[in-house]
PDB file of all heavy atoms in Angstrom:
ATOM      1  N   LEU A   1       0.845  -1.187   0.000  1.00  0.00           N
ATOM      2  CA  LEU A   1       0.000   0.000   0.000  1.00  0.00           C
ATOM      3  C   LEU A   1       0.880   1.236   0.000  1.00  0.00           C
ATOM      4  O   LEU A   1       1.962   1.248   0.596  1.00  0.00           O
ATOM      5  CB  LEU A   1      -0.918   0.012   1.226  1.00  0.00           C
ATOM      6  CG  LEU A   1      -2.120  -0.929   1.183  1.00  0.00           C
ATOM      7  CD1 LEU A   1      -2.723  -1.068   2.562  1.00  0.00           C
ATOM      8  CD2 LEU A   1      -3.166  -0.433   0.207  1.00  0.00           C
ATOM      9  N   ASP A   2       0.376   2.261  -0.675  1.00  0.00           N
ATOM     10  CA  ASP A   2       1.079   3.532  -0.744  1.00  0.00           C
ATOM     11  C   ASP A   2       0.133   4.629  -0.293  1.00  0.00           C
ATOM     12  O   ASP A   2      -1.009   4.706  -0.763  1.00  0.00           O
ATOM     13  CB  ASP A   2       1.526   3.783  -2.189  1.00  0.00           C
ATOM     14  CG  ASP A   2       2.320   5.059  -2.316  1.00  0.00           C
ATOM     15  OD1 ASP A   2       3.087   5.373  -1.401  1.00  0.00           O
ATOM     16  OD2 ASP A   2       2.170   5.734  -3.351  1.00  0.00           O
ATOM     17  N   TRP A   3       0.607   5.470   0.617  1.00  0.00           N
ATOM     18  CA  TRP A   3      -0.236   6.551   1.151  1.00  0.00           C
ATOM     19  C   TRP A   3       0.476   7.878   0.988  1.00  0.00           C
ATOM     20  O   TRP A   3       1.658   8.006   1.289  1.00  0.00           O
ATOM     21  CB  TRP A   3      -0.533   6.293   2.635  1.00  0.00           C
ATOM     22  CG  TRP A   3      -1.274   7.433   3.275  1.00  0.00           C
ATOM     23  CD1 TRP A   3      -2.552   7.820   3.036  1.00  0.00           C
ATOM     24  CD2 TRP A   3      -0.750   8.324   4.264  1.00  0.00           C
ATOM     25  NE1 TRP A   3      -2.873   8.895   3.809  1.00  0.00           N
ATOM     26  CE2 TRP A   3      -1.786   9.235   4.584  1.00  0.00           C
ATOM     27  CE3 TRP A   3       0.483   8.445   4.912  1.00  0.00           C
ATOM     28  CZ2 TRP A   3      -1.624  10.250   5.516  1.00  0.00           C
ATOM     29  CZ3 TRP A   3       0.651   9.452   5.836  1.00  0.00           C
ATOM     30  CH2 TRP A   3      -0.400  10.342   6.137  1.00  0.00           C
ATOM     31  N   GLN A   4      -0.246   8.868   0.483  1.00  0.00           N
ATOM     32  CA  GLN A   4       0.295  10.204   0.276  1.00  0.00           C
ATOM     33  C   GLN A   4      -0.719  11.223   0.774  1.00  0.00           C
ATOM     34  O   GLN A   4      -1.843  11.289   0.268  1.00  0.00           O
ATOM     35  CB  GLN A   4       0.578  10.441  -1.207  1.00  0.00           C
ATOM     36  CG  GLN A   4       1.130  11.814  -1.529  1.00  0.00           C
ATOM     37  CD  GLN A   4       2.565  11.983  -1.091  1.00  0.00           C
ATOM     38  OE1 GLN A   4       3.439  11.279  -1.584  1.00  0.00           O
ATOM     39  NE2 GLN A   4       2.824  12.896  -0.182  1.00  0.00           N
ATOM     40  N   GLN A   5      -0.344  11.998   1.783  1.00  0.00           N
ATOM     41  CA  GLN A   5      -1.284  12.951   2.383  1.00  0.00           C
ATOM     42  C   GLN A   5      -1.780  13.973   1.367  1.00  0.00           C
ATOM     43  O   GLN A   5      -2.969  14.258   1.283  1.00  0.00           O
ATOM     44  CB  GLN A   5      -0.617  13.672   3.561  1.00  0.00           C
ATOM     45  CG  GLN A   5      -1.554  14.610   4.318  1.00  0.00           C
ATOM     46  CD  GLN A   5      -0.862  15.245   5.520  1.00  0.00           C
ATOM     47  OE1 GLN A   5       0.297  14.965   5.812  1.00  0.00           O
ATOM     48  NE2 GLN A   5      -1.588  16.077   6.236  1.00  0.00           N
ATOM     49  N   ASP A   6      -0.870  14.542   0.583  1.00  0.00           N
ATOM     50  CA  ASP A   6      -1.229  15.483  -0.471  1.00  0.00           C
ATOM     51  C   ASP A   6      -0.841  14.845  -1.791  1.00  0.00           C
ATOM     52  O   ASP A   6       0.312  14.905  -2.217  1.00  0.00           O
ATOM     53  CB  ASP A   6      -0.495  16.812  -0.280  1.00  0.00           C
ATOM     54  CG  ASP A   6      -0.920  17.874  -1.288  1.00  0.00           C
ATOM     55  OD1 ASP A   6      -1.513  17.498  -2.325  1.00  0.00           O
ATOM     56  OD2 ASP A   6      -0.650  19.064  -1.049  1.00  0.00           O
ATOM     57  N   ALA A   7      -1.822  14.208  -2.443  1.00  0.00           N
ATOM     58  CA  ALA A   7      -1.523  13.441  -3.645  1.00  0.00           C
ATOM     59  C   ALA A   7      -1.224  14.322  -4.848  1.00  0.00           C
ATOM     60  O   ALA A   7      -0.707  13.837  -5.847  1.00  0.00           O
ATOM     61  CB  ALA A   7      -2.698  12.511  -3.978  1.00  0.00           C
ATOM     62  N   ILE A   8      -1.538  15.621  -4.773  1.00  0.00           N
ATOM     63  CA  ILE A   8      -1.291  16.516  -5.895  1.00  0.00           C
ATOM     64  C   ILE A   8       0.112  17.101  -5.834  1.00  0.00           C
ATOM     65  O   ILE A   8       0.898  17.009  -6.776  1.00  0.00           O
ATOM     66  CB  ILE A   8      -2.326  17.659  -5.923  1.00  0.00           C
ATOM     67  CG1 ILE A   8      -3.744  17.071  -6.026  1.00  0.00           C
ATOM     68  CG2 ILE A   8      -2.041  18.587  -7.104  1.00  0.00           C
ATOM     69  CD1 ILE A   8      -4.005  16.319  -7.303  1.00  0.00           C
ATOM     70  N   ASN A   9       0.466  17.717  -4.704  1.00  0.00           N
ATOM     71  CA  ASN A   9       1.747  18.410  -4.575  1.00  0.00           C
ATOM     72  C   ASN A   9       2.829  17.582  -3.891  1.00  0.00           C
ATOM     73  O   ASN A   9       3.998  17.956  -3.915  1.00  0.00           O
ATOM     74  CB  ASN A   9       1.545  19.716  -3.805  1.00  0.00           C
ATOM     75  CG  ASN A   9       0.582  20.645  -4.504  1.00  0.00           C
ATOM     76  OD1 ASN A   9       0.688  20.851  -5.713  1.00  0.00           O
ATOM     77  ND2 ASN A   9      -0.378  21.201  -3.768  1.00  0.00           N
ATOM     78  N   GLY A  10       2.442  16.497  -3.225  1.00  0.00           N
ATOM     79  CA  GLY A  10       3.427  15.664  -2.539  1.00  0.00           C
ATOM     80  C   GLY A  10       3.861  16.199  -1.202  1.00  0.00           C
ATOM     81  O   GLY A  10       4.837  15.707  -0.626  1.00  0.00           O
ATOM     82  N   ASP A  11       3.153  17.222  -0.660  1.00  0.00           N
ATOM     83  CA  ASP A  11       3.518  17.771   0.643  1.00  0.00           C
ATOM     84  C   ASP A  11       2.940  16.915   1.763  1.00  0.00           C
ATOM     85  O   ASP A  11       2.057  16.088   1.559  1.00  0.00           O
ATOM     86  CB  ASP A  11       2.996  19.206   0.778  1.00  0.00           C
ATOM     87  CG  ASP A  11       3.726  20.166  -0.159  1.00  0.00           C
ATOM     88  OD1 ASP A  11       4.868  19.844  -0.529  1.00  0.00           O
ATOM     89  OD2 ASP A  11       3.144  21.204  -0.521  1.00  0.00           O
ATOM     90  N   GLY A  12       3.450  17.135   2.989  1.00  0.00           N
ATOM     91  CA  GLY A  12       2.938  16.434   4.159  1.00  0.00           C
ATOM     92  C   GLY A  12       3.522  15.052   4.299  1.00  0.00           C
ATOM     93  O   GLY A  12       4.620  14.745   3.814  1.00  0.00           O
ATOM     94  N   TRP A  13       2.772  14.194   4.968  1.00  0.00           N
ATOM     95  CA  TRP A  13       3.244  12.846   5.275  1.00  0.00           C
ATOM     96  C   TRP A  13       2.978  11.885   4.124  1.00  0.00           C
ATOM     97  O   TRP A  13       2.020  12.031   3.374  1.00  0.00           O
ATOM     98  CB  TRP A  13       2.560  12.314   6.543  1.00  0.00           C
ATOM     99  CG  TRP A  13       2.985  13.033   7.787  1.00  0.00           C
ATOM    100  CD1 TRP A  13       2.344  14.073   8.390  1.00  0.00           C
ATOM    101  CD2 TRP A  13       4.149  12.756   8.571  1.00  0.00           C
ATOM    102  NE1 TRP A  13       3.038  14.486   9.508  1.00  0.00           N
ATOM    103  CE2 TRP A  13       4.156  13.689   9.645  1.00  0.00           C
ATOM    104  CE3 TRP A  13       5.187  11.835   8.478  1.00  0.00           C
ATOM    105  CZ2 TRP A  13       5.144  13.712  10.614  1.00  0.00           C
ATOM    106  CZ3 TRP A  13       6.177  11.858   9.432  1.00  0.00           C
ATOM    107  CH2 TRP A  13       6.158  12.782  10.486  1.00  0.00           C
ATOM    108  N   ASN A  14       3.852  10.886   4.011  1.00  0.00           N
ATOM    109  CA  ASN A  14       3.637   9.789   3.071  1.00  0.00           C
ATOM    110  C   ASN A  14       4.219   8.530   3.677  1.00  0.00           C
ATOM    111  O   ASN A  14       5.054   8.587   4.596  1.00  0.00           O
ATOM    112  CB  ASN A  14       4.281  10.097   1.714  1.00  0.00           C
ATOM    113  CG  ASN A  14       5.787  10.234   1.806  1.00  0.00           C
ATOM    114  OD1 ASN A  14       6.514   9.236   1.841  1.00  0.00           O
ATOM    115  ND2 ASN A  14       6.273  11.485   1.870  1.00  0.00           N
ATOM    116  N   GLY A  15       3.805   7.388   3.187  1.00  0.00           N
ATOM    117  CA  GLY A  15       4.314   6.126   3.716  1.00  0.00           C
ATOM    118  C   GLY A  15       4.076   4.984   2.755  1.00  0.00           C
ATOM    119  O   GLY A  15       3.267   5.073   1.829  1.00  0.00           O
ATOM    120  N   PHE A  16       4.799   3.925   2.939  1.00  0.00           N
ATOM    121  CA  PHE A  16       4.606   2.749   2.089  1.00  0.00           C
ATOM    122  C   PHE A  16       5.017   1.490   2.849  1.00  0.00           C
ATOM    123  O   PHE A  16       5.820   1.532   3.794  1.00  0.00           O
ATOM    124  CB  PHE A  16       5.401   2.857   0.789  1.00  0.00           C
ATOM    125  CG  PHE A  16       6.866   2.566   0.941  1.00  0.00           C
ATOM    126  CD1 PHE A  16       7.375   1.294   0.711  1.00  0.00           C
ATOM    127  CD2 PHE A  16       7.755   3.568   1.308  1.00  0.00           C
ATOM    128  CE1 PHE A  16       8.733   1.024   0.858  1.00  0.00           C
ATOM    129  CE2 PHE A  16       9.116   3.317   1.447  1.00  0.00           C
ATOM    130  CZ  PHE A  16       9.611   2.041   1.220  1.00  0.00           C
ATOM    131  N   VAL A  17       4.437   0.373   2.425  1.00  0.00           N
ATOM    132  CA  VAL A  17       4.830  -0.956   2.883  1.00  0.00           C
ATOM    133  C   VAL A  17       4.764  -1.888   1.683  1.00  0.00           C
ATOM    134  O   VAL A  17       3.828  -1.810   0.885  1.00  0.00           O
ATOM    135  CB  VAL A  17       3.898  -1.494   3.995  1.00  0.00           C
ATOM    136  CG1 VAL A  17       4.208  -2.953   4.283  1.00  0.00           C
ATOM    137  CG2 VAL A  17       4.013  -0.677   5.260  1.00  0.00           C
ATOM    138  N   LEU A  18       5.749  -2.715   1.528  1.00  0.00           N
ATOM    139  CA  LEU A  18       5.769  -3.684   0.431  1.00  0.00           C
ATOM    140  C   LEU A  18       6.204  -5.036   0.983  1.00  0.00           C
ATOM    141  O   LEU A  18       7.286  -5.168   1.558  1.00  0.00           O
ATOM    142  CB  LEU A  18       6.738  -3.239  -0.674  1.00  0.00           C
ATOM    143  CG  LEU A  18       6.832  -4.161  -1.894  1.00  0.00           C
ATOM    144  CD1 LEU A  18       5.490  -4.256  -2.604  1.00  0.00           C
ATOM    145  CD2 LEU A  18       7.899  -3.649  -2.861  1.00  0.00           C
ATOM    146  N   LEU A  19       5.336  -6.033   0.813  1.00  0.00           N
ATOM    147  CA  LEU A  19       5.594  -7.398   1.277  1.00  0.00           C
ATOM    148  C   LEU A  19       5.734  -8.307   0.068  1.00  0.00           C
ATOM    149  O   LEU A  19       4.822  -8.389  -0.763  1.00  0.00           O
ATOM    150  CB  LEU A  19       4.444  -7.872   2.168  1.00  0.00           C
ATOM    151  CG  LEU A  19       4.550  -9.290   2.734  1.00  0.00           C
ATOM    152  CD1 LEU A  19       5.670  -9.367   3.761  1.00  0.00           C
ATOM    153  CD2 LEU A  19       3.228  -9.720   3.346  1.00  0.00           C
ATOM    154  N   THR A  20       6.876  -8.974  -0.057  1.00  0.00           N
ATOM    155  CA  THR A  20       7.147  -9.831  -1.209  1.00  0.00           C
ATOM    156  C   THR A  20       7.542 -11.224  -0.736  1.00  0.00           C
ATOM    157  O   THR A  20       8.394 -11.365   0.144  1.00  0.00           O
ATOM    158  CB  THR A  20       8.286  -9.258  -2.074  1.00  0.00           C
ATOM    159  OG1 THR A  20       7.994  -7.905  -2.405  1.00  0.00           O
ATOM    160  CG2 THR A  20       8.441 -10.061  -3.348  1.00  0.00           C
ATOM    161  N   ARG A  21       6.925 -12.229  -1.327  1.00  0.00           N
ATOM    162  CA  ARG A  21       7.241 -13.632  -1.022  1.00  0.00           C
ATOM    163  C   ARG A  21       7.969 -14.253  -2.202  1.00  0.00           C
ATOM    164  O   ARG A  21       7.437 -14.346  -3.305  1.00  0.00           O
ATOM    165  CB  ARG A  21       5.956 -14.409  -0.736  1.00  0.00           C
ATOM    166  CG  ARG A  21       6.161 -15.897  -0.451  1.00  0.00           C
ATOM    167  CD  ARG A  21       6.907 -16.132   0.848  1.00  0.00           C
ATOM    168  NE  ARG A  21       6.967 -17.561   1.187  1.00  0.00           N
ATOM    169  CZ  ARG A  21       7.627 -18.047   2.231  1.00  0.00           C
ATOM    170  NH1 ARG A  21       8.274 -17.217   3.051  1.00  0.00           N
ATOM    171  NH2 ARG A  21       7.642 -19.335   2.483  1.00  0.00           N
ATOM    172  N   ASN A  22       9.218 -14.653  -1.981  1.00  0.00           N
ATOM    173  CA  ASN A  22       9.982 -15.433  -2.957  1.00  0.00           C
ATOM    174  C   ASN A  22       9.895 -16.890  -2.570  1.00  0.00           C
ATOM    175  O   ASN A  22      10.289 -17.278  -1.465  1.00  0.00           O
ATOM    176  CB  ASN A  22      11.445 -14.995  -2.976  1.00  0.00           C
ATOM    177  CG  ASN A  22      11.661 -13.707  -3.733  1.00  0.00           C
ATOM    178  OD1 ASN A  22      11.068 -12.678  -3.417  1.00  0.00           O
ATOM    179  ND2 ASN A  22      12.519 -13.755  -4.748  1.00  0.00           N
ATOM    180  N   PHE A  23       9.368 -17.714  -3.471  1.00  0.00           N
ATOM    181  CA  PHE A  23       9.144 -19.119  -3.156  1.00  0.00           C
ATOM    182  C   PHE A  23      10.423 -19.946  -3.339  1.00  0.00           C
ATOM    183  O   PHE A  23      11.394 -19.501  -3.962  1.00  0.00           O
ATOM    184  CB  PHE A  23       8.019 -19.673  -4.025  1.00  0.00           C
ATOM    185  CG  PHE A  23       6.682 -19.080  -3.703  1.00  0.00           C
ATOM    186  CD1 PHE A  23       6.209 -17.971  -4.386  1.00  0.00           C
ATOM    187  CD2 PHE A  23       5.901 -19.600  -2.677  1.00  0.00           C
ATOM    188  CE1 PHE A  23       4.990 -17.405  -4.089  1.00  0.00           C
ATOM    189  CE2 PHE A  23       4.673 -19.032  -2.365  1.00  0.00           C
ATOM    190  CZ  PHE A  23       4.219 -17.937  -3.068  1.00  0.00           C
ATOM    191  N   ARG A  24      10.401 -21.132  -2.795  1.00  0.00           N
ATOM    192  CA  ARG A  24      11.536 -22.041  -2.910  1.00  0.00           C
ATOM    193  C   ARG A  24      11.793 -22.361  -4.379  1.00  0.00           C
ATOM    194  O   ARG A  24      10.855 -22.629  -5.146  1.00  0.00           O
ATOM    195  CB  ARG A  24      11.239 -23.323  -2.132  1.00  0.00           C
ATOM    196  CG  ARG A  24      12.320 -24.410  -2.261  1.00  0.00           C
ATOM    197  CD  ARG A  24      11.910 -25.660  -1.478  1.00  0.00           C
ATOM    198  NE  ARG A  24      12.777 -26.795  -1.742  1.00  0.00           N
ATOM    199  CZ  ARG A  24      13.922 -27.022  -1.099  1.00  0.00           C
ATOM    200  NH1 ARG A  24      14.314 -26.188  -0.160  1.00  0.00           N
ATOM    201  NH2 ARG A  24      14.659 -28.075  -1.383  1.00  0.00           N
ATOM    202  N   GLN A  25      13.051 -22.313  -4.760  1.00  0.00           N
ATOM    203  CA  GLN A  25      13.439 -22.661  -6.124  1.00  0.00           C
ATOM    204  C   GLN A  25      14.151 -24.005  -6.098  1.00  0.00           C
ATOM    205  O   GLN A  25      15.278 -24.140  -5.621  1.00  0.00           O
ATOM    206  CB  GLN A  25      14.353 -21.587  -6.710  1.00  0.00           C
ATOM    207  CG  GLN A  25      14.915 -21.886  -8.094  1.00  0.00           C
ATOM    208  CD  GLN A  25      13.854 -22.091  -9.152  1.00  0.00           C
ATOM    209  OE1 GLN A  25      13.133 -23.103  -9.128  1.00  0.00           O
ATOM    210  NE2 GLN A  25      13.744 -21.164 -10.084  1.00  0.00           N
ATOM    211  N   ASP A  26      13.456 -25.046  -6.558  1.00  0.00           N
ATOM    212  CA  ASP A  26      14.055 -26.389  -6.601  1.00  0.00           C
ATOM    213  C   ASP A  26      13.976 -27.000  -7.998  1.00  0.00           C
ATOM    214  O   ASP A  26      14.101 -28.211  -8.156  1.00  0.00           O
ATOM    215  CB  ASP A  26      13.403 -27.313  -5.567  1.00  0.00           C
ATOM    216  CG  ASP A  26      11.887 -27.347  -5.694  1.00  0.00           C
ATOM    217  OD1 ASP A  26      11.354 -26.841  -6.706  1.00  0.00           O
ATOM    218  OD2 ASP A  26      11.224 -27.871  -4.774  1.00  0.00           O
ATOM    219  N   ARG A  27      13.758 -26.179  -8.997  1.00  0.00           N
ATOM    220  CA  ARG A  27      13.860 -26.634 -10.386  1.00  0.00           C
ATOM    221  C   ARG A  27      15.296 -26.339 -10.818  1.00  0.00           C
ATOM    222  O   ARG A  27      15.630 -25.222 -11.232  1.00  0.00           O
ATOM    223  CB  ARG A  27      12.830 -25.901 -11.260  1.00  0.00           C
ATOM    224  CG  ARG A  27      11.393 -26.250 -10.900  1.00  0.00           C
ATOM    225  CD  ARG A  27      10.400 -25.363 -11.624  1.00  0.00           C
ATOM    226  NE  ARG A  27      10.511 -23.972 -11.181  1.00  0.00           N
ATOM    227  CZ  ARG A  27       9.947 -23.488 -10.078  1.00  0.00           C
ATOM    228  NH1 ARG A  27       9.212 -24.284  -9.317  1.00  0.00           N
ATOM    229  NH2 ARG A  27      10.097 -22.221  -9.744  1.00  0.00           N
ATOM    230  N   LEU A  28      16.146 -27.343 -10.725  1.00  0.00           N
ATOM    231  CA  LEU A  28      17.593 -27.138 -10.746  1.00  0.00           C
ATOM    232  C   LEU A  28      18.238 -27.671 -12.011  1.00  0.00           C
ATOM    233  O   LEU A  28      17.856 -28.720 -12.538  1.00  0.00           O
ATOM    234  CB  LEU A  28      18.223 -27.833  -9.529  1.00  0.00           C
ATOM    235  CG  LEU A  28      17.592 -27.510  -8.171  1.00  0.00           C
ATOM    236  CD1 LEU A  28      18.217 -28.360  -7.087  1.00  0.00           C
ATOM    237  CD2 LEU A  28      17.733 -26.024  -7.859  1.00  0.00           C
ATOM    238  N   ALA A  29      19.241 -26.944 -12.485  1.00  0.00           N
ATOM    239  CA  ALA A  29      20.066 -27.436 -13.581  1.00  0.00           C
ATOM    240  C   ALA A  29      20.914 -28.591 -13.073  1.00  0.00           C
ATOM    241  O   ALA A  29      21.457 -28.542 -11.966  1.00  0.00           O
ATOM    242  CB  ALA A  29      20.953 -26.319 -14.113  1.00  0.00           C
ATOM    243  N   GLN A  30      21.028 -29.643 -13.863  1.00  0.00           N
ATOM    244  CA  GLN A  30      21.779 -30.828 -13.460  1.00  0.00           C
ATOM    245  C   GLN A  30      22.734 -31.255 -14.565  1.00  0.00           C
ATOM    246  O   GLN A  30      22.471 -31.068 -15.751  1.00  0.00           O
ATOM    247  CB  GLN A  30      20.829 -31.982 -13.132  1.00  0.00           C
ATOM    248  CG  GLN A  30      19.949 -31.708 -11.930  1.00  0.00           C
ATOM    249  CD  GLN A  30      19.130 -32.920 -11.536  1.00  0.00           C
ATOM    250  OE1 GLN A  30      19.127 -33.925 -12.243  1.00  0.00           O
ATOM    251  NE2 GLN A  30      18.449 -32.837 -10.411  1.00  0.00           N
ATOM    252  N   TYR A  31      23.861 -31.821 -14.145  1.00  0.00           N
ATOM    253  CA  TYR A  31      24.855 -32.353 -15.069  1.00  0.00           C
ATOM    254  C   TYR A  31      25.100 -33.798 -14.639  1.00  0.00           C
ATOM    255  O   TYR A  31      25.486 -34.057 -13.504  1.00  0.00           O
ATOM    256  CB  TYR A  31      26.155 -31.550 -14.994  1.00  0.00           C
ATOM    257  CG  TYR A  31      25.943 -30.056 -15.063  1.00  0.00           C
ATOM    258  CD1 TYR A  31      25.837 -29.300 -13.893  1.00  0.00           C
ATOM    259  CD2 TYR A  31      25.843 -29.407 -16.286  1.00  0.00           C
ATOM    260  CE1 TYR A  31      25.641 -27.927 -13.954  1.00  0.00           C
ATOM    261  CE2 TYR A  31      25.652 -28.038 -16.354  1.00  0.00           C
ATOM    262  CZ  TYR A  31      25.553 -27.307 -15.183  1.00  0.00           C
ATOM    263  OH  TYR A  31      25.360 -25.955 -15.240  1.00  0.00           O
ATOM    264  N   GLU A  32      24.866 -34.716 -15.536  1.00  0.00           N
ATOM    265  CA  GLU A  32      24.915 -36.128 -15.171  1.00  0.00           C
ATOM    266  C   GLU A  32      26.105 -36.829 -15.815  1.00  0.00           C
ATOM    267  O   GLU A  32      26.475 -36.549 -16.952  1.00  0.00           O
ATOM    268  CB  GLU A  32      23.625 -36.838 -15.613  1.00  0.00           C
ATOM    269  CG  GLU A  32      22.362 -36.289 -14.960  1.00  0.00           C
ATOM    270  CD  GLU A  32      22.298 -36.564 -13.471  1.00  0.00           C
ATOM    271  OE1 GLU A  32      23.003 -37.481 -13.011  1.00  0.00           O
ATOM    272  OE2 GLU A  32      21.541 -35.860 -12.780  1.00  0.00           O
ATOM    273  N   THR A  33      26.707 -37.769 -15.079  1.00  0.00           N
ATOM    274  CA  THR A  33      27.686 -38.702 -15.637  1.00  0.00           C
ATOM    275  C   THR A  33      27.172 -40.110 -15.345  1.00  0.00           C
ATOM    276  O   THR A  33      26.134 -40.299 -14.728  1.00  0.00           O
ATOM    277  CB  THR A  33      29.073 -38.513 -14.997  1.00  0.00           C
ATOM    278  OG1 THR A  33      29.002 -38.872 -13.611  1.00  0.00           O
ATOM    279  CG2 THR A  33      29.537 -37.078 -15.138  1.00  0.00           C
ATOM    280  N   GLU A  34      27.935 -41.115 -15.764  1.00  0.00           N
ATOM    281  CA  GLU A  34      27.502 -42.489 -15.543  1.00  0.00           C
ATOM    282  C   GLU A  34      27.474 -42.849 -14.067  1.00  0.00           C
ATOM    283  O   GLU A  34      26.689 -43.674 -13.630  1.00  0.00           O
ATOM    284  CB  GLU A  34      28.435 -43.446 -16.295  1.00  0.00           C
ATOM    285  CG  GLU A  34      28.367 -43.293 -17.813  1.00  0.00           C
ATOM    286  CD  GLU A  34      29.286 -44.272 -18.507  1.00  0.00           C
ATOM    287  OE1 GLU A  34      29.963 -45.040 -17.781  1.00  0.00           O
ATOM    288  OE2 GLU A  34      29.335 -44.281 -19.752  1.00  0.00           O
ATOM    289  N   SER A  35      28.332 -42.205 -13.283  1.00  0.00           N
ATOM    290  CA  SER A  35      28.448 -42.621 -11.887  1.00  0.00           C
ATOM    291  C   SER A  35      27.923 -41.603 -10.889  1.00  0.00           C
ATOM    292  O   SER A  35      27.686 -41.936  -9.734  1.00  0.00           O
ATOM    293  CB  SER A  35      29.927 -42.911 -11.556  1.00  0.00           C
ATOM    294  OG  SER A  35      30.719 -41.750 -11.809  1.00  0.00           O
ATOM    295  N   SER A  36      27.775 -40.357 -11.299  1.00  0.00           N
ATOM    296  CA  SER A  36      27.374 -39.353 -10.321  1.00  0.00           C
ATOM    297  C   SER A  36      26.698 -38.188 -11.015  1.00  0.00           C
ATOM    298  O   SER A  36      26.575 -38.156 -12.234  1.00  0.00           O
ATOM    299  CB  SER A  36      28.596 -38.863  -9.529  1.00  0.00           C
ATOM    300  OG  SER A  36      29.530 -38.264 -10.403  1.00  0.00           O
ATOM    301  N   GLY A  37      26.266 -37.236 -10.240  1.00  0.00           N
ATOM    302  CA  GLY A  37      25.606 -36.061 -10.783  1.00  0.00           C
ATOM    303  C   GLY A  37      26.010 -34.806 -10.044  1.00  0.00           C
ATOM    304  O   GLY A  37      26.318 -34.842  -8.859  1.00  0.00           O
ATOM    305  N   LEU A  38      26.028 -33.715 -10.745  1.00  0.00           N
ATOM    306  CA  LEU A  38      26.326 -32.413 -10.159  1.00  0.00           C
ATOM    307  C   LEU A  38      25.165 -31.502 -10.503  1.00  0.00           C
ATOM    308  O   LEU A  38      24.703 -31.476 -11.636  1.00  0.00           O
ATOM    309  CB  LEU A  38      27.626 -31.846 -10.732  1.00  0.00           C
ATOM    310  CG  LEU A  38      28.004 -30.422 -10.319  1.00  0.00           C
ATOM    311  CD1 LEU A  38      28.374 -30.384  -8.844  1.00  0.00           C
ATOM    312  CD2 LEU A  38      29.156 -29.912 -11.171  1.00  0.00           C
ATOM    313  N   SER A  39      24.665 -30.764  -9.551  1.00  0.00           N
ATOM    314  CA  SER A  39      23.529 -29.894  -9.818  1.00  0.00           C
ATOM    315  C   SER A  39      23.630 -28.645  -8.970  1.00  0.00           C
ATOM    316  O   SER A  39      24.436 -28.555  -8.040  1.00  0.00           O
ATOM    317  CB  SER A  39      22.206 -30.616  -9.522  1.00  0.00           C
ATOM    318  OG  SER A  39      22.031 -30.786  -8.126  1.00  0.00           O
ATOM    319  N   GLU A  40      22.795 -27.681  -9.304  1.00  0.00           N
ATOM    320  CA  GLU A  40      22.638 -26.524  -8.437  1.00  0.00           C
ATOM    321  C   GLU A  40      22.050 -26.980  -7.108  1.00  0.00           C
ATOM    322  O   GLU A  40      21.451 -28.054  -7.005  1.00  0.00           O
ATOM    323  CB  GLU A  40      21.676 -25.519  -9.063  1.00  0.00           C
ATOM    324  CG  GLU A  40      22.101 -24.915 -10.364  1.00  0.00           C
ATOM    325  CD  GLU A  40      21.045 -23.965 -10.879  1.00  0.00           C
ATOM    326  OE1 GLU A  40      19.948 -24.427 -11.239  1.00  0.00           O
ATOM    327  OE2 GLU A  40      21.311 -22.759 -10.928  1.00  0.00           O
ATOM    328  N   THR A  41      22.196 -26.139  -6.112  1.00  0.00           N
ATOM    329  CA  THR A  41      21.517 -26.394  -4.847  1.00  0.00           C
ATOM    330  C   THR A  41      20.209 -25.618  -4.829  1.00  0.00           C
ATOM    331  O   THR A  41      20.115 -24.534  -5.410  1.00  0.00           O
ATOM    332  CB  THR A  41      22.383 -25.945  -3.656  1.00  0.00           C
ATOM    333  OG1 THR A  41      22.708 -24.563  -3.813  1.00  0.00           O
ATOM    334  CG2 THR A  41      23.655 -26.767  -3.584  1.00  0.00           C
ATOM    335  N   PRO A  42      19.165 -26.158  -4.192  1.00  0.00           N
ATOM    336  CA  PRO A  42      17.900 -25.427  -4.105  1.00  0.00           C
ATOM    337  C   PRO A  42      18.061 -24.170  -3.260  1.00  0.00           C
ATOM    338  O   PRO A  42      18.957 -24.071  -2.419  1.00  0.00           O
ATOM    339  CB  PRO A  42      16.945 -26.427  -3.454  1.00  0.00           C
ATOM    340  CG  PRO A  42      17.837 -27.380  -2.722  1.00  0.00           C
ATOM    341  CD  PRO A  42      19.092 -27.469  -3.520  1.00  0.00           C
TER     342      PRO A  42
END
């Protein structure tokens, strides 16, 4: 939410809050060999 006391001239009080959720990233690049694998970490 964004709040501006004087929305025309920008005078007075103003405030903001921003809430952002970054989700878990587990879709990972992988490199495979016959015996083992190397990948990104989640």
